[in-house]
C-alpha atoms as a PDB file:
ATOM      1  CA  MET A   1      -0.179  -0.180   0.310  1.00  0.00           C
ATOM      2  CA  LEU A   2       2.731   2.209   0.637  1.00  0.00           C
ATOM      3  CA  ASN A   3       4.905   1.750  -2.557  1.00  0.00           C
ATOM      4  CA  LYS A   4       1.060   2.592  -4.171  1.00  0.00           C
ATOM      5  CA  ILE A   5       0.867   5.703  -2.780  1.00  0.00           C
ATOM      6  CA  ILE A   6       4.582   7.202  -3.074  1.00  0.00           C
ATOM      7  CA  LYS A   7       4.043   6.214  -6.454  1.00  0.00           C
ATOM      8  CA  ARG A   8       0.735   7.799  -6.955  1.00  0.00           C
ATOM      9  CA  ALA A   9       1.662  11.077  -5.041  1.00  0.00           C
ATOM     10  CA  ILE A  10       4.739  11.356  -7.633  1.00  0.00           C
ATOM     11  CA  MET A  11       2.534  11.591 -10.644  1.00  0.00           C
ATOM     12  CA  GLY A  12      -0.250  13.707  -8.756  1.00  0.00           C
ATOM     13  CA  PHE A  13       3.401  16.070  -7.719  1.00  0.00           C
ATOM     14  CA  VAL A  14       3.427  16.786 -11.667  1.00  0.00           C
ATOM     15  CA  TYR A  15      -0.156  16.484 -12.817  1.00  0.00           C
ATOM     16  CA  GLY A  16      -0.253  18.988 -10.044  1.00  0.00           C
ATOM     17  CA  ILE A  17       2.272  21.227 -11.230  1.00  0.00           C
ATOM     18  CA  PHE A  18       0.873  20.782 -14.917  1.00  0.00           C
ATOM     19  CA  ILE A  19      -2.649  21.432 -14.187  1.00  0.00           C
ATOM     20  CA  GLY A  20      -1.937  24.541 -12.628  1.00  0.00           C
ATOM     21  CA  GLN A  21       0.662  26.027 -14.512  1.00  0.00           C
ATOM     22  CA  THR A  22      -1.902  25.239 -17.080  1.00  0.00           C
ATOM     23  CA  ILE A  23      -5.220  26.843 -15.674  1.00  0.00           C
ATOM     24  CA  VAL A  24      -2.747  30.049 -14.897  1.00  0.00           C
ATOM     25  CA  ILE A  25      -1.657  30.207 -18.831  1.00  0.00           C
ATOM     26  CA  LEU A  26      -5.367  29.859 -19.656  1.00  0.00           C
ATOM     27  CA  GLU A  27      -5.741  32.560 -16.976  1.00  0.00           C
ATOM     28  CA  SER A  28      -4.030  34.378 -18.639  1.00  0.00           C
ATOM     29  CA  LEU A  29      -4.940  34.743 -21.779  1.00  0.00           C
ATOM     30  CA  MET A  30      -8.048  35.467 -20.363  1.00  0.00           C
ATOM     31  CA  ALA A  31      -6.685  38.746 -19.031  1.00  0.00           C
ATOM     32  CA  GLY A  32      -6.632  39.032 -23.382  1.00  0.00           C
ATOM     33  CA  ASP A  33      -3.909  41.499 -22.325  1.00  0.00           C
ATOM     34  CA  GLY A  34      -0.777  40.135 -23.860  1.00  0.00           C
ATOM     35  CA  ASN A  35       0.336  39.882 -20.281  1.00  0.00           C
ATOM     36  CA  PHE A  36       1.471  37.065 -17.419  1.00  0.00           C
ATOM     37  CA  TYR A  37       0.084  36.586 -15.017  1.00  0.00           C
ATOM     38  CA  PRO A  38       2.059  33.451 -13.450  1.00  0.00           C
ATOM     39  CA  VAL A  39       0.071  34.683  -9.617  1.00  0.00           C
ATOM     40  CA  SER A  40      -1.860  36.765  -7.475  1.00  0.00           C
ATOM     41  CA  PRO A  41      -1.950  39.579  -5.896  1.00  0.00           C
ATOM     42  CA  TYR A  42      -1.865  39.033  -3.343  1.00  0.00           C
ATOM     43  CA  LEU A  43       0.479  35.936  -3.356  1.00  0.00           C
ATOM     44  CA  ILE A  44       2.814  39.060  -4.387  1.00  0.00           C
ATOM     45  CA  LYS A  45       1.873  40.979  -1.994  1.00  0.00           C
ATOM     46  CA  HIS A  46       2.772  37.906   1.085  1.00  0.00           C
ATOM     47  CA  SER A  47       6.255  37.093  -0.871  1.00  0.00           C
ATOM     48  CA  SER A  48       9.512  38.699  -1.011  1.00  0.00           C
ATOM     49  CA  SER A  49       9.360  39.100  -4.912  1.00  0.00           C
ATOM     50  CA  ILE A  50       7.619  37.454  -8.012  1.00  0.00           C
ATOM     51  CA  MET A  51       9.840  34.643  -7.879  1.00  0.00           C
ATOM     52  CA  ALA A  52       8.918  33.567  -4.453  1.00  0.00           C
ATOM     53  CA  ALA A  53       5.594  33.245  -4.933  1.00  0.00           C
ATOM     54  CA  VAL A  54       5.760  31.231  -8.391  1.00  0.00           C
ATOM     55  CA  ILE A  55       8.038  28.846  -5.850  1.00  0.00           C
ATOM     56  CA  VAL A  56       5.634  29.119  -3.182  1.00  0.00           C
ATOM     57  CA  GLN A  57       2.352  28.874  -5.521  1.00  0.00           C
ATOM     58  CA  TYR A  58       4.425  25.410  -8.089  1.00  0.00           C
ATOM     59  CA  PHE A  59       4.795  23.639  -5.339  1.00  0.00           C
ATOM     60  CA  ILE A  60       1.098  23.870  -3.249  1.00  0.00           C
ATOM     61  CA  THR A  61       0.028  22.646  -7.070  1.00  0.00           C
ATOM     62  CA  GLY A  62       1.912  20.206  -6.622  1.00  0.00           C
ATOM     63  CA  LEU A  63       0.737  19.182  -3.206  1.00  0.00           C
ATOM     64  CA  ILE A  64      -2.565  19.524  -4.475  1.00  0.00           C
ATOM     65  CA  GLY A  65      -1.801  17.029  -7.135  1.00  0.00           C
ATOM     66  CA  ILE A  66      -0.543  14.582  -3.939  1.00  0.00           C
ATOM     67  CA  SER A  67      -3.594  14.555  -2.432  1.00  0.00           C
ATOM     68  CA  PHE A  68      -5.436  14.075  -5.029  1.00  0.00           C
ATOM     69  CA  SER A  69      -3.971  11.244  -6.236  1.00  0.00           C
ATOM     70  CA  ALA A  70      -2.033   9.653  -2.907  1.00  0.00           C
ATOM     71  CA  THR A  71      -5.582   9.261  -1.723  1.00  0.00           C
ATOM     72  CA  THR A  72      -7.345   6.986  -4.090  1.00  0.00           C
ATOM     73  CA  VAL A  73      -5.676   4.660  -2.253  1.00  0.00           C
ATOM     74  CA  ILE A  74      -8.467   5.303   0.578  1.00  0.00           C
ATOM     75  CA  PHE A  75     -11.400   3.474  -2.626  1.00  0.00           C
ATOM     76  CA  GLU A  76      -9.235   0.999  -2.257  1.00  0.00           C
ATOM     77  CA  ILE A  77      -9.594   0.166   1.586  1.00  0.00           C
ATOM     78  CA  ASP A  78     -12.336  -3.338   1.260  1.00  0.00           C
ATOM     79  CA  ASN A  79     -12.796  -3.158   5.352  1.00  0.00           C
ATOM     80  CA  TRP A  80     -14.309   0.516   5.157  1.00  0.00           C
ATOM     81  CA  SER A  81     -17.744   1.493   4.522  1.00  0.00           C
ATOM     82  CA  ILE A  82     -18.250   3.585   1.501  1.00  0.00           C
ATOM     83  CA  VAL A  83     -19.233   6.716   3.371  1.00  0.00           C
ATOM     84  CA  ALA A  84     -16.383   6.377   5.029  1.00  0.00           C
ATOM     85  CA  GLN A  85     -14.575   6.262   2.122  1.00  0.00           C
ATOM     86  CA  THR A  86     -15.442   9.741   0.655  1.00  0.00           C
ATOM     87  CA  ALA A  87     -15.723  10.959   4.298  1.00  0.00           C
ATOM     88  CA  LEU A  88     -11.775  10.521   4.675  1.00  0.00           C
ATOM     89  CA  HIS A  89     -11.673  11.907   0.765  1.00  0.00           C
ATOM     90  CA  PHE A  90     -13.184  14.850   0.783  1.00  0.00           C
ATOM     91  CA  VAL A  91     -11.683  16.084   4.699  1.00  0.00           C
ATOM     92  CA  ILE A  92      -7.665  16.338   3.298  1.00  0.00           C
ATOM     93  CA  THR A  93      -9.073  17.480  -0.525  1.00  0.00           C
ATOM     94  CA  PHE A  94     -11.338  19.746   0.929  1.00  0.00           C
ATOM     95  CA  ALA A  95      -8.006  20.868   4.125  1.00  0.00           C
ATOM     96  CA  VAL A  96      -5.093  21.057   0.748  1.00  0.00           C
ATOM     97  CA  MET A  97      -6.746  22.762  -1.546  1.00  0.00           C
ATOM     98  CA  PHE A  98      -8.959  24.979   1.165  1.00  0.00           C
ATOM     99  CA  PHE A  99      -5.019  26.111   2.266  1.00  0.00           C
ATOM    100  CA  ALA A 100      -3.463  25.572  -1.447  1.00  0.00           C
ATOM    101  CA  GLY A 101      -6.848  28.242  -1.898  1.00  0.00           C
ATOM    102  CA  PHE A 102      -6.315  30.337   1.314  1.00  0.00           C
ATOM    103  CA  VAL A 103      -1.951  30.824   1.010  1.00  0.00           C
ATOM    104  CA  CYS A 104      -2.447  31.679  -2.883  1.00  0.00           C
ATOM    105  CA  GLY A 105      -5.225  34.048  -2.325  1.00  0.00           C
ATOM    106  CA  TRP A 106      -7.425  32.592  -5.128  1.00  0.00           C
ATOM    107  CA  PHE A 107     -10.517  33.947  -2.911  1.00  0.00           C
ATOM    108  CA  PRO A 108     -10.914  36.551  -0.851  1.00  0.00           C
ATOM    109  CA  HIS A 109     -10.276  35.595   3.548  1.00  0.00           C
ATOM    110  CA  THR A 110     -13.981  36.159   4.332  1.00  0.00           C
ATOM    111  CA  ALA A 111     -16.178  34.509   5.909  1.00  0.00           C
ATOM    112  CA  LEU A 112     -18.686  35.130   2.698  1.00  0.00           C
ATOM    113  CA  SER A 113     -15.650  34.167   0.350  1.00  0.00           C
ATOM    114  CA  ILE A 114     -14.760  31.157   2.470  1.00  0.00           C
ATOM    115  CA  LEU A 115     -18.701  29.640   2.290  1.00  0.00           C
ATOM    116  CA  ILE A 116     -19.244  30.362  -1.200  1.00  0.00           C
ATOM    117  CA  TRP A 117     -15.821  28.111  -1.768  1.00  0.00           C
ATOM    118  CA  LEU A 118     -16.987  25.614  -0.019  1.00  0.00           C
ATOM    119  CA  ALA A 119     -19.933  25.441  -1.854  1.00  0.00           C
ATOM    120  CA  ILE A 120     -18.466  25.621  -5.002  1.00  0.00           C
ATOM    121  CA  PHE A 121     -16.241  22.488  -3.291  1.00  0.00           C
ATOM    122  CA  ILE A 122     -18.725  20.751  -2.641  1.00  0.00           C
ATOM    123  CA  VAL A 123     -20.141  20.779  -6.082  1.00  0.00           C
ATOM    124  CA  ILE A 124     -17.489  20.250  -8.030  1.00  0.00           C
ATOM    125  CA  TYR A 125     -16.944  17.497  -5.777  1.00  0.00           C
ATOM    126  CA  VAL A 126     -20.305  15.617  -5.707  1.00  0.00           C
ATOM    127  CA  ILE A 127     -20.007  15.713  -9.163  1.00  0.00           C
ATOM    128  CA  MET A 128     -16.452  14.117 -10.236  1.00  0.00           C
ATOM    129  CA  TRP A 129     -18.009  11.327  -7.349  1.00  0.00           C
ATOM    130  CA  VAL A 130     -20.868  10.660  -8.604  1.00  0.00           C
ATOM    131  CA  SER A 131     -18.889  10.199 -13.106  1.00  0.00           C
ATOM    132  CA  PHE A 132     -16.502   8.135 -11.382  1.00  0.00           C
ATOM    133  CA  THR A 133     -18.943   5.463  -8.939  1.00  0.00           C
ATOM    134  CA  LEU A 134     -21.036   4.880 -12.372  1.00  0.00           C
ATOM    135  CA  TYR A 135     -17.681   4.954 -14.354  1.00  0.00           C
ATOM    136  CA  PHE A 136     -17.073   1.798 -12.036  1.00  0.00           C
ATOM    137  CA  ARG A 137     -19.700   0.446 -11.870  1.00  0.00           C
ATOM    138  CA  LYS A 138     -19.971   0.501 -15.637  1.00  0.00           C
ATOM    139  CA  GLN A 139     -16.329  -1.733 -15.892  1.00  0.00           C
ATOM    140  CA  THR A 140     -17.553  -3.807 -13.198  1.00  0.00           C
ATOM    141  CA  LYS A 141     -20.469  -4.996 -15.331  1.00  0.00           C
ATOM    142  CA  ASN A 142     -18.282  -5.082 -18.110  1.00  0.00           C
ATOM    143  CA  ILE A 143     -15.738  -7.115 -16.428  1.00  0.00           C
ATOM    144  CA  ASN A 144     -18.308  -9.614 -15.079  1.00  0.00           C
ATOM    145  CA  GLU A 145     -20.744  -9.618 -17.988  1.00  0.00           C
ATOM    146  CA  ALA A 146     -17.142 -11.077 -19.820  1.00  0.00           C
ATOM    147  CA  LEU A 147     -17.024 -13.697 -17.441  1.00  0.00           C
END
């Protein structure tokens, strides 16, 4: 199990950085002014330099990737209910995403913004959870039919 976690964490780090950088590029393109915005103004303001802010965001997006990849082993614990697995996975991924968003300044640090962030996270999490559940049920059905 530890080997699975380590392998998934390494790949997750790479995927997290790739996705994070892709989002930054897309956001910069959407600004439409030809400039590249590598990090939020909040993170720049609270860092010693733009380079420091970029490095912080680089590792934080890697951490997000690690949390989403490595925590998938939770769903392989056969003696846990799907409710327990989902609850633990949700708590871990939410904590990491909230930490990342807070540190990087991806949302204002107000109670309302935090509630909106939570609501958005829950909606996206439920959509992804249902999608994966339906996918794996179909895979299981196909395997059973093939047997």
